N, C-alpha and C. Protein backbone atom coordinates (compact mmCIF):
# COMPACT_ATOMS: atom_id res chain seq x y z
N MET A 1 136.48 132.31 69.48
CA MET A 1 135.48 131.40 68.46
C MET A 1 135.50 129.96 68.95
N ALA A 2 136.68 129.66 69.23
CA ALA A 2 137.57 128.10 69.31
C ALA A 2 136.74 127.34 70.66
N ALA A 3 136.66 128.76 71.91
CA ALA A 3 135.96 128.30 72.88
C ALA A 3 134.51 128.58 72.66
N THR A 4 134.29 129.22 71.72
CA THR A 4 132.56 129.10 71.47
C THR A 4 131.80 127.68 70.73
N GLN A 5 133.42 127.17 69.91
CA GLN A 5 132.94 125.74 69.18
C GLN A 5 132.87 124.74 70.62
N ASP A 6 133.85 124.83 71.04
CA ASP A 6 134.12 124.08 71.73
C ASP A 6 133.15 123.72 73.22
N SER A 7 132.12 124.59 73.44
CA SER A 7 131.01 124.57 74.31
C SER A 7 130.15 124.13 73.42
N LYS A 8 129.72 124.11 72.59
CA LYS A 8 128.49 123.76 71.15
C LYS A 8 129.10 122.37 71.29
N GLN A 9 130.27 122.34 71.11
CA GLN A 9 130.51 120.99 70.76
C GLN A 9 130.25 119.92 72.49
N LYS A 10 130.87 120.32 73.25
CA LYS A 10 130.19 120.04 74.39
C LYS A 10 128.96 120.00 74.80
N ASP A 11 128.14 121.10 74.93
CA ASP A 11 126.77 120.67 75.25
C ASP A 11 126.11 119.29 73.60
N ASN A 12 126.92 119.91 72.78
CA ASN A 12 125.86 118.71 71.56
C ASN A 12 126.50 116.72 72.46
N SER A 13 127.77 116.79 72.91
CA SER A 13 127.82 115.86 73.51
C SER A 13 126.57 115.13 74.81
N ASP A 14 126.93 116.40 75.08
CA ASP A 14 125.90 116.45 76.28
C ASP A 14 124.34 115.75 76.02
N GLN A 15 124.34 116.02 74.77
CA GLN A 15 122.98 115.51 74.62
C GLN A 15 122.87 114.45 73.68
N ASN A 16 123.60 114.04 73.51
CA ASN A 16 124.28 112.77 72.46
C ASN A 16 123.94 111.02 73.45
N PHE A 17 123.25 110.31 73.61
CA PHE A 17 122.96 109.32 74.38
C PHE A 17 122.06 108.18 74.48
N ASP A 18 122.20 106.70 74.33
CA ASP A 18 121.12 105.97 74.41
C ASP A 18 119.83 106.11 75.51
N TYR A 19 120.93 106.52 76.17
CA TYR A 19 119.88 106.41 77.56
C TYR A 19 119.59 107.12 78.88
N MET A 20 118.99 107.55 79.21
CA MET A 20 118.99 108.39 80.81
C MET A 20 118.35 107.96 81.75
N PHE A 21 119.16 107.69 82.73
CA PHE A 21 118.47 107.17 84.22
C PHE A 21 118.43 108.34 85.52
N LYS A 22 117.32 108.50 86.29
CA LYS A 22 117.85 109.55 87.36
C LYS A 22 117.96 108.72 88.69
N LEU A 23 118.86 108.87 89.68
CA LEU A 23 119.30 107.83 90.49
C LEU A 23 119.16 109.19 91.32
N LEU A 24 118.64 108.59 92.77
CA LEU A 24 118.60 109.41 94.10
C LEU A 24 119.29 108.81 94.78
N ILE A 25 120.61 109.67 95.59
CA ILE A 25 121.09 108.69 97.04
C ILE A 25 120.29 109.67 97.91
N ILE A 26 119.94 109.04 98.64
CA ILE A 26 119.14 108.62 100.02
C ILE A 26 119.95 108.31 101.21
N GLY A 27 119.69 108.90 101.97
CA GLY A 27 119.95 108.09 103.54
C GLY A 27 120.14 109.14 105.12
N ASN A 28 120.41 108.61 105.81
CA ASN A 28 120.72 110.16 107.21
C ASN A 28 121.62 111.34 106.66
N SER A 29 121.40 112.40 107.76
CA SER A 29 122.86 113.12 107.47
C SER A 29 124.05 112.84 107.84
N SER A 30 125.22 112.89 106.94
CA SER A 30 126.39 112.76 107.11
C SER A 30 126.69 110.89 107.14
N VAL A 31 126.04 110.63 106.51
CA VAL A 31 126.63 108.79 105.60
C VAL A 31 127.14 108.72 104.85
N GLY A 32 127.80 109.81 104.47
CA GLY A 32 128.71 110.54 102.93
C GLY A 32 128.11 110.49 102.06
N LYS A 33 126.51 110.94 101.24
CA LYS A 33 126.26 110.89 100.52
C LYS A 33 126.87 111.78 99.16
N THR A 34 126.98 113.02 99.71
CA THR A 34 127.82 113.95 98.87
C THR A 34 129.23 113.39 98.40
N SER A 35 129.99 113.07 99.93
CA SER A 35 131.64 112.47 99.22
C SER A 35 131.24 111.18 97.85
N PHE A 36 130.47 110.46 98.35
CA PHE A 36 130.43 109.53 96.95
C PHE A 36 129.96 109.87 96.27
N LEU A 37 129.02 110.94 95.75
CA LEU A 37 128.75 111.61 94.94
C LEU A 37 130.09 111.92 93.64
N PHE A 38 130.48 112.73 94.91
CA PHE A 38 131.97 113.93 94.00
C PHE A 38 132.61 112.64 93.75
N ARG A 39 133.12 111.58 94.79
CA ARG A 39 133.89 110.93 94.34
C ARG A 39 133.37 109.68 93.07
N TYR A 40 132.11 109.18 92.83
CA TYR A 40 132.19 108.93 91.28
C TYR A 40 131.86 109.59 90.44
N ALA A 41 131.14 110.61 90.22
CA ALA A 41 131.03 111.70 89.25
C ALA A 41 132.30 112.45 88.75
N ASP A 42 132.92 112.87 90.10
CA ASP A 42 133.82 114.04 89.55
C ASP A 42 135.48 113.38 90.13
N ASP A 43 135.61 112.23 90.51
CA ASP A 43 136.53 111.17 91.00
C ASP A 43 137.36 112.67 91.62
N SER A 44 136.41 113.22 92.85
CA SER A 44 137.20 113.97 93.87
C SER A 44 136.87 113.71 95.50
N PHE A 45 137.66 113.78 96.34
CA PHE A 45 137.07 113.57 97.70
C PHE A 45 137.64 115.08 98.63
N THR A 46 136.94 115.26 99.71
CA THR A 46 137.31 116.13 100.72
C THR A 46 137.23 115.28 102.03
N SER A 47 137.58 115.76 103.06
CA SER A 47 137.41 115.54 104.05
C SER A 47 136.73 116.29 105.33
N ALA A 48 136.49 117.36 104.46
CA ALA A 48 135.49 118.49 104.87
C ALA A 48 134.18 118.01 105.16
N PHE A 49 133.41 118.19 106.22
CA PHE A 49 131.80 117.93 106.13
C PHE A 49 131.57 119.15 105.56
N VAL A 50 130.57 119.03 104.29
CA VAL A 50 129.68 120.11 103.89
C VAL A 50 128.24 119.96 103.68
N SER A 51 127.36 120.33 104.84
CA SER A 51 126.24 119.82 104.87
C SER A 51 124.97 120.20 103.05
N THR A 52 124.55 119.14 102.85
CA THR A 52 123.35 119.22 101.56
C THR A 52 122.51 120.02 101.65
N VAL A 53 122.24 121.16 101.21
CA VAL A 53 121.12 122.25 101.64
C VAL A 53 120.17 121.55 100.59
N GLY A 54 118.61 121.05 101.07
CA GLY A 54 117.71 120.97 99.55
C GLY A 54 118.48 119.46 98.98
N ILE A 55 118.25 119.72 97.68
CA ILE A 55 119.57 118.71 97.31
C ILE A 55 120.32 119.56 95.71
N ASP A 56 121.22 118.30 95.22
CA ASP A 56 122.35 118.95 94.36
C ASP A 56 121.97 117.35 93.58
N PHE A 57 122.96 118.20 92.32
CA PHE A 57 122.86 117.06 91.25
C PHE A 57 124.32 116.72 90.86
N ARG A 58 124.67 115.62 89.92
CA ARG A 58 126.04 115.51 89.06
C ARG A 58 125.14 114.64 87.96
N VAL A 59 126.30 114.96 86.92
CA VAL A 59 125.90 113.92 85.81
C VAL A 59 126.93 113.39 85.27
N LYS A 60 126.70 111.91 85.26
CA LYS A 60 127.50 111.27 84.44
C LYS A 60 127.99 110.76 83.52
N THR A 61 128.19 110.56 82.75
CA THR A 61 128.21 110.10 81.07
C THR A 61 129.31 108.24 81.62
N VAL A 62 128.30 106.99 81.48
CA VAL A 62 128.65 105.46 81.35
C VAL A 62 129.11 104.72 80.20
N TYR A 63 129.24 104.37 80.09
CA TYR A 63 128.93 103.29 78.79
C TYR A 63 129.38 101.86 78.85
N ARG A 64 127.78 101.29 78.16
CA ARG A 64 127.78 99.94 78.82
C ARG A 64 127.19 99.07 77.25
N ASN A 65 127.94 97.88 76.92
CA ASN A 65 127.42 97.27 75.65
C ASN A 65 127.40 97.82 74.75
N ASP A 66 128.47 99.33 74.44
CA ASP A 66 128.46 99.89 73.19
C ASP A 66 126.85 101.00 73.04
N LYS A 67 126.66 101.02 73.90
CA LYS A 67 125.76 102.60 74.53
C LYS A 67 126.15 103.50 75.31
N SER A 68 125.79 104.72 75.26
CA SER A 68 125.81 105.79 76.17
C SER A 68 124.56 106.00 77.07
N ILE A 69 124.73 105.67 78.42
CA ILE A 69 123.86 106.15 79.52
C ILE A 69 124.21 107.36 80.03
N LYS A 70 123.49 108.16 80.08
CA LYS A 70 123.50 109.26 80.85
C LYS A 70 122.94 109.08 82.56
N LEU A 71 123.78 109.64 83.64
CA LEU A 71 122.86 109.42 84.76
C LEU A 71 122.64 110.51 85.08
N GLN A 72 121.57 111.05 85.87
CA GLN A 72 121.70 112.22 86.64
C GLN A 72 121.72 111.42 87.87
N ILE A 73 122.56 111.58 88.46
CA ILE A 73 122.87 111.43 90.10
C ILE A 73 122.67 112.48 90.88
N TRP A 74 121.47 111.99 91.69
CA TRP A 74 120.65 113.17 92.62
C TRP A 74 121.22 113.27 94.46
N ASP A 75 121.29 114.03 94.72
CA ASP A 75 122.20 114.31 96.02
C ASP A 75 121.17 114.50 96.82
N THR A 76 120.39 114.18 98.29
CA THR A 76 119.30 114.62 98.94
C THR A 76 120.36 115.23 100.08
N ALA A 77 119.55 116.38 100.93
CA ALA A 77 120.06 116.51 101.73
C ALA A 77 118.91 115.08 103.31
N GLY A 78 119.79 114.58 103.84
CA GLY A 78 119.42 113.47 104.96
C GLY A 78 118.53 115.09 106.25
N GLN A 79 118.74 115.61 106.24
CA GLN A 79 117.78 116.16 107.43
C GLN A 79 116.46 116.32 107.25
N GLU A 80 115.82 116.21 108.70
CA GLU A 80 114.29 115.93 108.66
C GLU A 80 113.16 117.02 107.67
N ARG A 81 114.37 118.23 108.08
CA ARG A 81 113.60 119.53 107.87
C ARG A 81 113.10 119.99 106.07
N TYR A 82 114.29 118.88 105.33
CA TYR A 82 114.11 119.28 103.93
C TYR A 82 113.32 117.55 103.37
N ARG A 83 113.05 116.83 103.95
CA ARG A 83 112.02 115.75 103.62
C ARG A 83 111.45 116.48 102.35
N THR A 84 110.23 117.36 102.81
CA THR A 84 109.15 117.75 101.62
C THR A 84 110.08 117.63 100.49
N ILE A 85 111.31 118.92 100.13
CA ILE A 85 111.66 119.07 99.11
C ILE A 85 112.15 117.70 98.36
N THR A 86 112.56 116.41 98.96
CA THR A 86 113.63 115.91 98.65
C THR A 86 112.69 114.44 98.22
N THR A 87 111.61 114.58 98.88
CA THR A 87 110.69 113.40 98.26
C THR A 87 109.51 113.10 96.72
N ALA A 88 109.49 115.33 97.02
CA ALA A 88 109.06 115.57 95.34
C ALA A 88 110.12 115.12 93.98
N TYR A 89 111.48 114.84 94.68
CA TYR A 89 112.11 114.56 93.30
C TYR A 89 112.53 112.63 93.27
N TYR A 90 111.64 112.05 94.17
CA TYR A 90 111.62 111.09 94.03
C TYR A 90 110.89 109.98 92.87
N ARG A 91 109.62 111.07 92.66
CA ARG A 91 109.00 110.61 91.41
C ARG A 91 109.72 111.06 90.15
N GLY A 92 109.63 110.12 88.97
CA GLY A 92 110.55 110.08 88.28
C GLY A 92 112.11 109.19 88.23
N ALA A 93 112.68 108.79 89.51
CA ALA A 93 113.55 108.42 89.35
C ALA A 93 113.69 106.88 89.50
N MET A 94 114.27 106.09 88.52
CA MET A 94 114.25 104.74 88.13
C MET A 94 115.00 104.46 89.31
N GLY A 95 115.62 104.64 90.14
CA GLY A 95 116.49 104.26 91.18
C GLY A 95 117.39 104.66 92.31
N PHE A 96 117.18 104.01 93.38
CA PHE A 96 117.85 104.58 94.71
C PHE A 96 118.92 104.15 95.02
N ILE A 97 120.06 105.00 95.40
CA ILE A 97 120.95 104.47 96.57
C ILE A 97 120.77 104.92 97.94
N LEU A 98 120.38 103.99 98.49
CA LEU A 98 119.70 103.93 100.10
C LEU A 98 121.26 103.66 100.88
N MET A 99 122.13 104.81 101.59
CA MET A 99 123.05 105.14 101.98
C MET A 99 122.77 104.57 103.77
N TYR A 100 123.76 104.04 104.72
CA TYR A 100 124.00 104.32 105.30
C TYR A 100 125.31 104.50 106.18
N ASP A 101 125.91 104.18 107.33
CA ASP A 101 126.86 104.85 107.90
C ASP A 101 127.24 103.59 108.18
N ILE A 102 128.34 102.95 108.18
CA ILE A 102 128.63 101.51 108.70
C ILE A 102 129.20 101.92 110.59
N THR A 103 129.34 102.95 110.86
CA THR A 103 129.93 103.31 112.35
C THR A 103 128.77 104.09 113.10
N ASN A 104 127.65 103.93 112.21
CA ASN A 104 126.49 104.61 112.94
C ASN A 104 125.21 103.70 112.74
N GLU A 105 125.05 103.07 114.00
CA GLU A 105 123.89 101.92 113.98
C GLU A 105 122.72 103.39 113.58
N GLU A 106 122.36 104.21 114.16
CA GLU A 106 120.97 105.59 113.87
C GLU A 106 121.24 105.16 112.32
N SER A 107 121.80 105.20 111.38
CA SER A 107 121.57 105.12 110.24
C SER A 107 121.09 103.96 109.90
N PHE A 108 121.65 102.89 110.35
CA PHE A 108 121.48 101.75 109.48
C PHE A 108 119.96 101.60 109.80
N ALA A 109 119.30 102.03 111.53
CA ALA A 109 118.32 101.48 112.22
C ALA A 109 117.51 102.38 110.99
N ALA A 110 117.55 103.73 110.52
CA ALA A 110 116.66 104.33 109.64
C ALA A 110 116.48 104.01 108.46
N VAL A 111 117.58 102.75 107.75
CA VAL A 111 117.03 102.12 106.26
C VAL A 111 115.66 102.02 106.35
N GLN A 112 114.57 101.27 107.00
CA GLN A 112 113.62 100.95 107.23
C GLN A 112 112.95 101.91 106.25
N ASP A 113 112.52 103.54 107.13
CA ASP A 113 111.66 103.96 106.98
C ASP A 113 112.38 105.02 105.96
N TRP A 114 113.54 104.67 105.35
CA TRP A 114 113.84 105.55 104.07
C TRP A 114 113.05 104.62 103.29
N SER A 115 113.22 103.35 103.23
CA SER A 115 112.86 102.59 101.89
C SER A 115 110.87 102.42 102.13
N THR A 116 110.78 102.90 102.89
CA THR A 116 108.79 102.99 103.13
C THR A 116 108.83 104.37 102.40
N GLN A 117 109.84 105.55 102.11
CA GLN A 117 109.77 106.45 101.92
C GLN A 117 109.71 106.35 100.31
N ILE A 118 110.74 105.72 99.98
CA ILE A 118 110.83 104.90 98.51
C ILE A 118 109.61 104.65 98.16
N LYS A 119 109.33 103.78 98.84
CA LYS A 119 107.82 102.75 98.33
C LYS A 119 106.93 103.62 98.29
N THR A 120 105.98 104.50 99.36
CA THR A 120 105.40 105.51 99.25
C THR A 120 105.72 106.93 98.06
N TYR A 121 106.48 107.20 97.76
CA TYR A 121 106.64 108.95 96.98
C TYR A 121 107.26 108.37 95.29
N SER A 122 107.62 106.91 95.17
CA SER A 122 108.05 106.60 94.00
C SER A 122 107.23 105.83 93.31
N TRP A 123 107.68 105.48 92.20
CA TRP A 123 107.40 104.14 91.17
C TRP A 123 107.38 102.38 91.18
N ASP A 124 106.60 101.83 91.15
CA ASP A 124 106.06 100.33 91.89
C ASP A 124 107.57 99.87 91.67
N ASN A 125 108.09 100.12 90.62
CA ASN A 125 109.84 99.10 89.54
C ASN A 125 110.93 99.64 90.40
N ALA A 126 110.91 100.32 90.94
CA ALA A 126 112.34 101.45 91.47
C ALA A 126 112.70 100.48 91.88
N GLN A 127 114.39 100.65 91.02
CA GLN A 127 115.24 99.50 92.09
C GLN A 127 116.08 100.33 93.13
N VAL A 128 116.43 99.19 94.02
CA VAL A 128 117.30 100.29 95.37
C VAL A 128 118.74 99.54 95.64
N ILE A 129 119.61 99.95 95.61
CA ILE A 129 120.80 99.40 95.91
C ILE A 129 121.04 100.12 97.75
N LEU A 130 120.99 99.01 98.57
CA LEU A 130 121.63 99.08 99.78
C LEU A 130 123.22 99.30 99.70
N VAL A 131 123.87 100.37 100.38
CA VAL A 131 125.13 100.86 100.33
C VAL A 131 125.48 101.08 101.99
N GLY A 132 126.33 100.21 102.38
CA GLY A 132 127.29 100.70 104.01
C GLY A 132 128.53 101.17 103.55
N ASN A 133 128.15 102.71 103.64
CA ASN A 133 129.65 103.65 103.15
C ASN A 133 130.34 103.85 104.82
N LYS A 134 131.53 104.59 104.69
CA LYS A 134 132.58 104.94 105.23
C LYS A 134 133.86 103.25 105.78
N CYS A 135 133.80 102.46 105.03
CA CYS A 135 134.31 100.84 104.93
C CYS A 135 136.05 101.60 105.22
N ASP A 136 136.16 102.50 105.01
CA ASP A 136 137.97 102.83 104.72
C ASP A 136 137.67 102.81 106.48
N MET A 137 136.77 103.23 107.15
CA MET A 137 136.19 103.27 108.64
C MET A 137 136.53 101.72 109.44
N GLU A 138 137.08 101.04 108.83
CA GLU A 138 136.79 99.51 109.06
C GLU A 138 136.63 99.40 111.03
N GLU A 139 138.21 99.87 111.68
CA GLU A 139 138.34 99.76 112.84
C GLU A 139 137.03 100.50 113.82
N GLU A 140 136.48 101.13 112.80
CA GLU A 140 135.05 101.92 114.14
C GLU A 140 134.12 101.50 113.76
N ARG A 141 134.17 99.88 112.88
CA ARG A 141 132.73 99.67 111.96
C ARG A 141 131.43 99.14 113.80
N ILE A 142 130.33 99.33 113.23
CA ILE A 142 129.41 99.40 114.45
C ILE A 142 128.46 98.31 113.76
N VAL A 143 128.12 98.29 112.12
CA VAL A 143 127.27 97.84 111.37
C VAL A 143 127.59 96.34 110.89
N SER A 144 127.49 95.15 111.50
CA SER A 144 128.35 94.27 111.03
C SER A 144 127.84 93.87 109.17
N VAL A 145 129.21 93.36 108.37
CA VAL A 145 128.69 92.66 107.54
C VAL A 145 127.34 92.26 106.93
N ASP A 146 127.36 91.02 107.59
CA ASP A 146 126.46 90.37 107.89
C ASP A 146 124.48 91.57 107.92
N SER A 147 124.78 91.67 108.96
CA SER A 147 123.47 92.84 108.73
C SER A 147 123.33 93.63 108.08
N GLY A 148 124.53 94.10 107.23
CA GLY A 148 123.64 94.78 106.29
C GLY A 148 123.86 94.10 105.41
N ARG A 149 124.02 92.73 104.59
CA ARG A 149 123.48 91.92 103.44
C ARG A 149 121.94 91.48 104.38
N LEU A 150 121.56 90.82 105.21
CA LEU A 150 120.36 90.33 105.74
C LEU A 150 119.40 91.34 105.47
N LEU A 151 119.38 93.27 105.73
CA LEU A 151 118.85 93.54 105.67
C LEU A 151 118.73 93.78 104.17
N ALA A 152 119.78 94.24 103.09
CA ALA A 152 119.74 94.17 101.79
C ALA A 152 119.03 92.83 101.17
N GLU A 153 118.37 91.79 101.44
CA GLU A 153 117.94 90.91 101.39
C GLU A 153 116.35 90.66 101.36
N GLN A 154 116.34 91.59 102.93
CA GLN A 154 115.08 92.41 103.42
C GLN A 154 114.06 92.94 102.23
N LEU A 155 114.94 94.31 102.04
CA LEU A 155 113.78 95.08 101.05
C LEU A 155 113.85 94.59 100.24
């Protein structure tokens, strides 16, 4: 009985929020989108690579200015073969975390293509945050901080 009440309370608390935002994490395969999401939403990390198949999501509630904000954060597959599936989720997204790997020039070069997809499949006012990931691998950095900043200003 107590477990049932606890789950009902949890379900009810999941429904109690002032705002809800749908965010998508996009970028090439292997840039660290899933690891980023797990670290942020679940405070967990694994160094093992597991490729996202299609799309996955986590929910995190944050509090700002005495308001409860529920974030639905969608983790998209970076492979081309899933593109038609993942672009369907762009509609209704209020923001995008556009991610590249600082140790991979190809992932950085692809940012423009991802940006074009955002403009094509989402609404006009969607917000975009550019994230250079894998900063713990600074000794293997290929994309400079200045290059990342310049691209962020251009997007």
